[in-house]
Amino acid sequence: MKPMPRMAARRGFTLIELMVAVAIGMVLVLALTMVMVRHDTGKRTLVSSNDLALTSSYLAFSMDRELRSAGSGITQNWRDNFGCLLRVARGGTQILPRAAAFPAPFDTVPQQVRLAPLLVHAGAGANGSDVIAVATGSSGVGETPIRVQPASVTAVDLRVTSTVGLRGNDLVLIAEDGVGCTVQQLAAPFTGGATQLVSFGGTYAQSEIDSLALTSFSTAGTAFLSPLGNTTGNRPALRLYGVAADGTLVSHDMLQLDGTDAVQPLVDGVVDLRARYGVDTNADGRIDTWVAATDANYTAAALTAGTPAARERLLSIMAVRVGMVLRSDRIERDDVAPASLTLFGDLDAALRHTHNIATADRKQRFRAVEFTVPLRNVMLTART
């Protein structure tokens, strides 16, 4: 066999072959980089979308649960209760009407709280968002008002037609048209039954609140006692819901059942909240129109004026439609949000709300969420 030449045995890649290999390698690296970038972008998009979807589901569930029972325990005696100036003392100190403003973002909500199942304070929250006020009892005793016997009220007790279902530490609403309404607490221990005498005692018991004395009730007219719940279980709810300046949905317990006057954070990433009333205009139990809380007849002040017409309008609100704008906490490299989002887009133009997104915030993802909550206690209450 003829031996191979030494130079041929040492021969490697040519310059052209090396350049082709480098070019192929660069193409592969570029393709791989693009795949990785797209994968990372897709992953961020998916995570942000999932976060917004989970937040949307949680908000719809939790707010539906809180709002659906609005009016429980107070709607059955709506002629005395609706629009009534609520007086509450805790530990001997008056907490309603308030001596000072509510903590932010509820600091523009009126300090005089008037009773209503659900009330929308238009533009009272941070950045002009709405604030929703909800009053809900949870006594579980048929939610039926109990008639107070005439001339039976003293500074510490009264007599009612029946005490069945009442127990110590219950919170009760005593109301009479033309007199007012106040929250009191039943003394413990107590179990209702054969006796007709109800004695007051405990944290929320007070013989006079904001110049309204207990002895003012049931002297010339008829007062009613409505069970609201208990401080140790089945607590009532008198709450405000709104959006704080930092983009958090917060609530405030106006009864201060836990002894605190601070707002409680609920969900991060909520930057706007708006609400519309679903109104039954012909008393057939069905929603005929949607109304904004800025309508002259449906402002918070107009609905709680305490007149027969205002009470009728409160009773005509069958549902509330809530719209929120959510914001992801992830910041993208490029703009991913539109210039604006529209809430209630299927309603008349005057009822729609446009949320404008600042240029600096468009690198975060936004989502509009809407849900409708029927007010079952109002829907089941007769107007006769």
Protein backbone atom coordinates (compact mmCIF):
# COMPACT_ATOMS: atom_id res chain seq x y z
CA MET A 1 0.00 0.00 0.00
CA LYS A 2 1.22 3.39 -0.91
CA PRO A 3 1.89 5.50 2.22
CA MET A 4 -0.27 8.68 2.72
CA PRO A 5 1.58 11.95 2.37
CA ARG A 6 2.38 13.61 5.70
CA MET A 7 0.67 16.94 4.81
CA ALA A 8 -2.50 15.20 3.72
CA ALA A 9 -2.63 13.31 7.02
CA ARG A 10 -2.56 16.62 8.96
CA ARG A 11 -5.19 18.35 6.88
CA GLY A 12 -8.12 19.98 8.94
CA PHE A 13 -11.15 22.20 8.10
CA THR A 14 -10.85 24.83 5.47
CA LEU A 15 -11.64 28.46 6.17
CA ILE A 16 -14.88 28.19 4.23
CA GLU A 17 -15.94 25.17 6.28
CA LEU A 18 -15.15 27.00 9.53
CA MET A 19 -17.15 30.04 8.41
CA VAL A 20 -20.12 27.85 7.45
CA ALA A 21 -19.95 26.10 10.86
CA VAL A 22 -19.76 29.42 12.71
CA ALA A 23 -22.70 30.78 10.71
CA ILE A 24 -24.78 27.67 11.46
CA GLY A 25 -23.84 27.93 15.13
CA MET A 26 -24.83 31.60 15.26
CA VAL A 27 -28.18 30.81 13.65
CA LEU A 28 -28.79 28.04 16.19
CA VAL A 29 -27.80 30.28 19.09
CA LEU A 30 -30.07 33.08 17.80
CA ALA A 31 -32.95 30.65 17.33
CA LEU A 32 -32.43 29.20 20.78
CA THR A 33 -32.27 32.68 22.28
CA MET A 34 -35.52 33.66 20.58
CA VAL A 35 -37.18 30.47 21.83
CA MET A 36 -35.99 31.14 25.38
CA VAL A 37 -37.10 34.79 25.26
CA ARG A 38 -40.51 33.83 23.92
CA HIS A 39 -40.81 31.06 26.50
CA ASP A 40 -39.92 33.47 29.30
CA THR A 41 -42.34 36.09 27.96
CA GLY A 42 -45.07 33.49 27.61
CA LYS A 43 -44.41 32.25 31.12
CA ARG A 44 -44.67 35.76 32.55
CA THR A 45 -47.82 36.38 30.57
CA LEU A 46 -49.33 33.11 31.76
CA VAL A 47 -48.43 33.78 35.40
CA SER A 48 -49.85 37.32 35.27
CA SER A 49 -53.01 36.12 33.54
CA ASN A 50 -53.45 33.30 36.05
CA ASP A 51 -52.96 35.72 38.95
CA LEU A 52 -55.60 38.05 37.55
CA ALA A 53 -57.95 35.15 36.86
CA LEU A 54 -57.58 33.81 40.40
CA THR A 55 -58.09 37.27 41.87
CA SER A 56 -61.18 37.74 39.70
CA SER A 57 -62.67 34.44 40.87
CA TYR A 58 -61.94 35.15 44.51
CA LEU A 59 -63.40 38.66 44.32
CA ALA A 60 -66.57 37.48 42.59
CA PHE A 61 -67.06 34.73 45.19
CA SER A 62 -66.25 36.74 48.31
CA MET A 63 -68.11 39.91 47.31
CA ASP A 64 -71.15 37.90 46.22
CA ARG A 65 -71.17 36.22 49.63
CA GLU A 66 -70.91 39.56 51.44
CA LEU A 67 -73.46 41.47 49.36
CA ARG A 68 -76.11 38.83 48.65
CA SER A 69 -77.45 38.85 52.22
CA ALA A 70 -77.59 42.65 52.48
CA GLY A 71 -80.61 43.76 54.47
CA SER A 72 -80.97 40.59 56.49
CA GLY A 73 -82.65 41.41 59.80
CA ILE A 74 -83.58 44.98 58.86
CA THR A 75 -85.57 44.74 55.63
CA GLN A 76 -88.61 43.07 57.19
CA ASN A 77 -89.30 46.26 59.17
CA TRP A 78 -88.25 48.56 56.35
CA ARG A 79 -90.75 51.31 57.10
CA ASP A 80 -89.08 52.00 60.45
CA ASN A 81 -85.51 51.01 59.59
CA PHE A 82 -84.69 52.35 56.13
CA GLY A 83 -83.00 55.75 56.30
CA CYS A 84 -82.92 55.74 60.09
CA LEU A 85 -79.97 57.53 61.70
CA LEU A 86 -78.08 54.74 63.45
CA ARG A 87 -76.83 55.26 66.99
CA VAL A 88 -74.28 52.87 68.46
CA ALA A 89 -72.05 52.99 71.55
CA ARG A 90 -69.23 50.60 72.36
CA GLY A 91 -67.80 50.35 75.85
CA GLY A 92 -69.62 53.52 76.84
CA THR A 93 -68.17 55.52 73.92
CA GLN A 94 -70.33 56.62 71.03
CA ILE A 95 -69.07 55.19 67.72
CA LEU A 96 -72.06 56.07 65.50
CA PRO A 97 -72.65 58.83 64.56
CA ARG A 98 -68.89 59.27 64.48
CA ALA A 99 -67.13 62.14 66.17
CA ALA A 100 -64.38 62.05 63.53
CA ALA A 101 -64.10 60.95 59.93
CA PHE A 102 -63.78 57.30 58.98
CA PRO A 103 -60.21 56.18 58.27
CA ALA A 104 -59.02 56.53 54.66
CA PRO A 105 -60.12 55.66 52.05
CA PHE A 106 -63.55 56.10 53.68
CA ASP A 107 -62.86 59.57 55.08
CA THR A 108 -65.42 61.25 52.80
CA VAL A 109 -68.25 58.87 53.74
CA PRO A 110 -70.80 60.72 55.94
CA GLN A 111 -70.14 60.34 59.66
CA GLN A 112 -73.87 60.03 60.25
CA VAL A 113 -74.68 56.50 59.10
CA ARG A 114 -78.25 55.90 57.98
CA LEU A 115 -79.56 52.39 57.71
CA ALA A 116 -79.96 50.74 54.30
CA PRO A 117 -79.39 47.18 53.03
CA LEU A 118 -76.82 48.33 50.48
CA LEU A 119 -75.71 51.83 49.64
CA VAL A 120 -73.25 53.10 47.04
CA HIS A 121 -71.35 56.25 47.92
CA ALA A 122 -70.42 57.43 44.43
CA GLY A 123 -66.84 58.68 44.09
CA ALA A 124 -66.13 58.49 47.82
CA GLY A 125 -63.14 56.13 47.50
CA ALA A 126 -59.55 56.65 46.42
CA ASN A 127 -59.10 58.14 42.93
CA GLY A 128 -62.85 58.67 42.61
CA SER A 129 -63.85 55.02 42.99
CA ASP A 130 -67.13 54.08 44.64
CA VAL A 131 -67.62 52.88 48.22
CA ILE A 132 -70.20 50.20 49.01
CA ALA A 133 -71.87 50.15 52.43
CA VAL A 134 -73.60 46.92 53.51
CA ALA A 135 -75.83 46.22 56.51
CA THR A 136 -76.43 42.54 57.23
CA GLY A 137 -77.84 40.78 60.26
CA SER A 138 -77.28 37.10 61.00
CA SER A 139 -79.59 36.27 63.88
CA GLY A 140 -81.12 33.22 62.21
CA VAL A 141 -84.42 33.69 64.11
CA GLY A 142 -86.67 34.19 61.11
CA GLU A 143 -85.35 37.76 60.82
CA THR A 144 -88.72 38.95 62.10
CA PRO A 145 -89.07 42.22 64.06
CA ILE A 146 -90.58 41.87 67.53
CA ARG A 147 -93.08 44.43 68.76
CA VAL A 148 -92.07 46.38 71.87
CA GLN A 149 -94.89 46.66 74.37
CA PRO A 150 -96.16 50.22 74.88
CA ALA A 151 -94.72 52.21 77.80
CA SER A 152 -92.50 49.29 78.83
CA VAL A 153 -89.09 50.79 78.08
CA THR A 154 -86.75 51.85 80.87
CA ALA A 155 -83.08 52.82 80.81
CA VAL A 156 -82.00 49.17 81.22
CA ASP A 157 -84.79 46.95 79.90
CA LEU A 158 -88.05 46.64 77.99
CA ARG A 159 -90.82 44.15 77.32
CA VAL A 160 -91.59 42.52 73.99
CA THR A 161 -94.34 40.22 72.79
CA SER A 162 -91.98 37.23 72.68
CA THR A 163 -88.34 36.50 73.56
CA VAL A 164 -88.18 33.09 71.88
CA GLY A 165 -84.83 32.74 70.09
CA LEU A 166 -83.11 35.58 71.91
CA ARG A 167 -80.04 34.94 74.04
CA GLY A 168 -77.42 36.79 76.02
CA ASN A 169 -74.95 38.99 74.11
CA ASP A 170 -77.34 39.32 71.16
CA LEU A 171 -77.15 42.63 69.31
CA VAL A 172 -80.58 44.05 68.58
CA LEU A 173 -81.87 47.04 66.66
CA ILE A 174 -84.58 49.10 68.34
CA ALA A 175 -86.35 51.34 65.85
CA GLU A 176 -89.41 53.51 65.69
CA ASP A 177 -90.49 55.75 62.84
CA GLY A 178 -90.17 59.38 63.88
CA VAL A 179 -87.99 58.54 66.90
CA GLY A 180 -84.84 56.87 65.56
CA CYS A 181 -82.94 53.62 65.87
CA THR A 182 -80.23 52.32 68.13
CA VAL A 183 -78.19 49.15 68.56
CA GLN A 184 -78.29 47.57 72.02
CA GLN A 185 -76.93 44.35 73.54
CA LEU A 186 -78.80 41.81 75.63
CA ALA A 187 -77.36 41.12 79.05
CA ALA A 188 -75.83 37.70 79.66
CA PRO A 189 -76.75 35.16 80.77
CA PHE A 190 -80.15 35.11 79.13
CA THR A 191 -82.20 32.57 77.22
CA GLY A 192 -85.48 33.65 75.70
CA GLY A 193 -88.66 31.76 76.29
CA ALA A 194 -91.54 32.35 78.67
CA THR A 195 -90.40 35.76 79.88
CA GLN A 196 -91.23 38.95 78.02
CA LEU A 197 -88.61 41.07 79.78
CA VAL A 198 -85.40 41.89 77.95
CA SER A 199 -82.54 43.44 79.93
CA PHE A 200 -79.58 45.22 78.37
CA GLY A 201 -75.95 44.86 79.35
CA GLY A 202 -72.51 44.31 77.87
CA THR A 203 -70.24 46.22 75.51
CA TYR A 204 -72.95 47.72 73.30
CA ALA A 205 -75.55 48.53 75.96
CA GLN A 206 -76.10 52.25 76.57
CA SER A 207 -79.16 54.00 77.96
CA GLU A 208 -78.61 57.14 75.88
CA ILE A 209 -76.68 57.64 72.66
CA ASP A 210 -76.35 60.91 70.76
CA SER A 211 -79.14 62.48 72.84
CA LEU A 212 -81.52 59.61 72.07
CA ALA A 213 -82.59 57.86 75.26
CA LEU A 214 -84.02 54.37 75.36
CA THR A 215 -87.03 55.72 77.22
CA SER A 216 -87.94 57.73 74.08
CA PHE A 217 -89.17 54.54 72.39
CA SER A 218 -92.70 53.16 72.50
CA THR A 219 -94.22 56.10 74.35
CA ALA A 220 -96.63 57.44 71.75
CA GLY A 221 -95.96 55.09 68.84
CA THR A 222 -94.88 51.50 68.22
CA ALA A 223 -91.25 50.46 68.42
CA PHE A 224 -89.82 47.19 67.13
CA LEU A 225 -86.85 45.11 68.22
CA SER A 226 -84.97 43.34 65.40
CA PRO A 227 -82.38 40.65 66.28
CA LEU A 228 -79.14 41.26 64.38
CA GLY A 229 -76.80 38.55 65.61
CA ASN A 230 -74.43 37.88 68.46
CA THR A 231 -71.02 39.24 69.45
CA THR A 232 -69.65 35.74 70.11
CA GLY A 233 -71.08 34.05 67.02
CA ASN A 234 -73.24 34.83 63.98
CA ARG A 235 -71.96 38.38 63.98
CA PRO A 236 -73.83 41.03 62.04
CA ALA A 237 -72.01 43.09 59.44
CA LEU A 238 -72.11 46.83 59.01
CA ARG A 239 -69.24 47.34 56.61
CA LEU A 240 -67.72 49.66 54.08
CA TYR A 241 -65.89 48.32 51.00
CA GLY A 242 -63.61 50.47 48.87
CA VAL A 243 -60.26 50.86 47.14
CA ALA A 244 -57.27 52.32 48.95
CA ALA A 245 -54.72 54.62 47.31
CA ASP A 246 -52.17 51.77 47.08
CA GLY A 247 -54.49 49.62 44.93
CA THR A 248 -55.88 47.38 47.66
CA LEU A 249 -59.52 46.45 48.22
CA VAL A 250 -60.19 47.18 51.89
CA SER A 251 -63.11 47.02 54.30
CA HIS A 252 -64.06 48.74 57.53
CA ASP A 253 -66.26 47.38 60.32
CA MET A 254 -68.43 50.29 61.42
CA LEU A 255 -69.55 48.36 64.52
CA GLN A 256 -65.92 47.74 65.51
CA LEU A 257 -66.80 44.23 66.68
CA ASP A 258 -63.11 43.37 67.07
CA GLY A 259 -62.39 46.57 68.96
CA THR A 260 -60.46 48.21 66.14
CA ASP A 261 -61.26 51.24 64.00
CA ALA A 262 -58.70 50.37 61.33
CA VAL A 263 -59.38 49.28 57.76
CA GLN A 264 -58.69 45.68 56.84
CA PRO A 265 -56.97 44.77 53.54
CA LEU A 266 -58.80 42.15 51.49
CA VAL A 267 -57.21 41.83 48.03
CA ASP A 268 -54.19 43.45 46.39
CA GLY A 269 -54.22 44.77 42.86
CA VAL A 270 -57.69 46.39 42.77
CA VAL A 271 -57.38 49.92 41.37
CA ASP A 272 -61.00 50.84 40.68
CA LEU A 273 -64.46 49.88 41.94
CA ARG A 274 -67.79 51.02 40.51
CA ALA A 275 -71.36 49.90 41.13
CA ARG A 276 -74.77 50.23 39.49
CA TYR A 277 -78.20 49.58 41.00
CA GLY A 278 -80.63 47.12 39.40
CA VAL A 279 -84.05 48.74 39.98
CA ASP A 280 -87.58 47.37 39.83
CA THR A 281 -89.69 50.32 38.66
CA ASN A 282 -93.12 48.66 38.64
CA ALA A 283 -93.07 46.45 41.77
CA ASP A 284 -93.21 43.17 39.83
CA GLY A 285 -90.05 41.79 41.43
CA ARG A 286 -87.92 42.11 38.29
CA ILE A 287 -85.12 44.47 37.33
CA ASP A 288 -86.41 46.98 34.80
CA THR A 289 -83.47 49.35 34.58
CA TRP A 290 -79.96 50.02 35.82
CA VAL A 291 -79.20 53.23 37.67
CA ALA A 292 -75.97 54.94 38.68
CA ALA A 293 -75.49 56.16 42.23
CA THR A 294 -75.05 59.66 40.82
CA ASP A 295 -78.69 59.79 39.70
CA ALA A 296 -80.51 62.50 41.65
CA ASN A 297 -82.99 60.00 43.14
CA TYR A 298 -80.37 57.36 43.91
CA THR A 299 -77.55 59.21 45.58
CA ALA A 300 -76.70 57.96 49.06
CA ALA A 301 -78.26 61.10 50.58
CA ALA A 302 -81.48 60.80 48.55
CA LEU A 303 -81.95 57.10 49.32
CA THR A 304 -81.51 57.60 53.07
CA ALA A 305 -83.61 60.74 53.41
CA GLY A 306 -86.09 58.81 55.56
CA THR A 307 -89.13 59.83 53.50
CA PRO A 308 -91.69 57.27 52.29
CA ALA A 309 -90.51 57.83 48.70
CA ALA A 310 -86.86 57.26 49.65
CA ARG A 311 -87.74 54.05 51.49
CA GLU A 312 -89.71 52.82 48.49
CA ARG A 313 -86.72 53.49 46.25
CA LEU A 314 -84.44 51.54 48.60
CA LEU A 315 -86.89 48.65 48.45
CA SER A 316 -86.93 48.83 44.65
CA ILE A 317 -83.20 48.03 44.39
CA MET A 318 -83.20 44.33 43.51
CA ALA A 319 -79.53 43.85 42.72
CA VAL A 320 -76.18 45.55 42.47
CA ARG A 321 -73.77 45.21 39.57
CA VAL A 322 -70.15 45.59 40.62
CA GLY A 323 -67.31 46.41 38.26
CA MET A 324 -63.63 46.37 39.20
CA VAL A 325 -60.35 47.00 37.44
CA LEU A 326 -57.53 44.69 38.52
CA ARG A 327 -53.80 45.25 38.05
CA SER A 328 -51.03 42.67 38.04
CA ASP A 329 -47.99 43.30 40.22
CA ARG A 330 -45.58 42.08 37.48
CA ILE A 331 -43.89 44.75 35.37
CA GLU A 332 -43.12 43.81 31.76
CA ARG A 333 -40.39 45.24 29.52
CA ASP A 334 -42.88 46.53 26.96
CA ASP A 335 -46.32 48.09 27.17
CA VAL A 336 -48.93 45.34 27.58
CA ALA A 337 -51.97 47.32 28.75
CA PRO A 338 -54.37 49.39 26.64
CA ALA A 339 -54.91 53.09 27.19
CA SER A 340 -58.25 52.44 28.90
CA LEU A 341 -60.77 49.81 30.01
CA THR A 342 -64.54 50.14 29.98
CA LEU A 343 -66.86 48.86 32.70
CA PHE A 344 -70.58 48.16 32.07
CA GLY A 345 -70.02 48.32 28.32
CA ASP A 346 -73.38 46.67 27.57
CA LEU A 347 -75.36 49.36 29.43
CA ASP A 348 -76.40 52.78 28.16
CA ALA A 349 -73.55 55.17 27.51
CA ALA A 350 -74.39 57.28 30.56
CA LEU A 351 -73.95 54.23 32.81
CA ARG A 352 -70.60 53.13 31.44
CA HIS A 353 -67.34 53.93 33.15
CA THR A 354 -63.99 54.36 31.43
CA HIS A 355 -60.89 53.66 33.50
CA ASN A 356 -57.91 55.42 31.95
CA ILE A 357 -54.54 53.73 32.42
CA ALA A 358 -51.57 56.05 32.89
CA THR A 359 -48.69 55.65 30.44
CA ALA A 360 -46.32 54.75 33.26
CA ASP A 361 -48.59 51.86 34.31
CA ARG A 362 -49.04 50.22 30.91
CA LYS A 363 -46.18 47.79 31.49
CA GLN A 364 -48.49 46.02 33.93
CA ARG A 365 -51.46 43.91 32.92
CA PHE A 366 -55.00 45.08 33.69
CA ARG A 367 -58.32 43.28 33.63
CA ALA A 368 -61.93 44.43 33.99
CA VAL A 369 -64.19 42.25 36.15
CA GLU A 370 -67.96 42.52 36.49
CA PHE A 371 -70.56 40.51 38.40
CA THR A 372 -74.18 41.00 39.44
CA VAL A 373 -75.38 40.19 42.96
CA PRO A 374 -79.12 39.83 43.68
CA LEU A 375 -80.27 41.25 47.02
CA ARG A 376 -82.42 38.34 48.14
CA ASN A 377 -83.79 39.94 51.31
CA VAL A 378 -85.13 42.90 49.36
CA MET A 379 -86.49 40.67 46.59
CA LEU A 380 -88.50 38.62 49.10
CA THR A 381 -89.96 41.58 50.98
CA ALA A 382 -93.47 42.70 50.14
CA ARG A 383 -94.16 46.41 49.71
CA THR A 384 -97.68 46.21 51.11
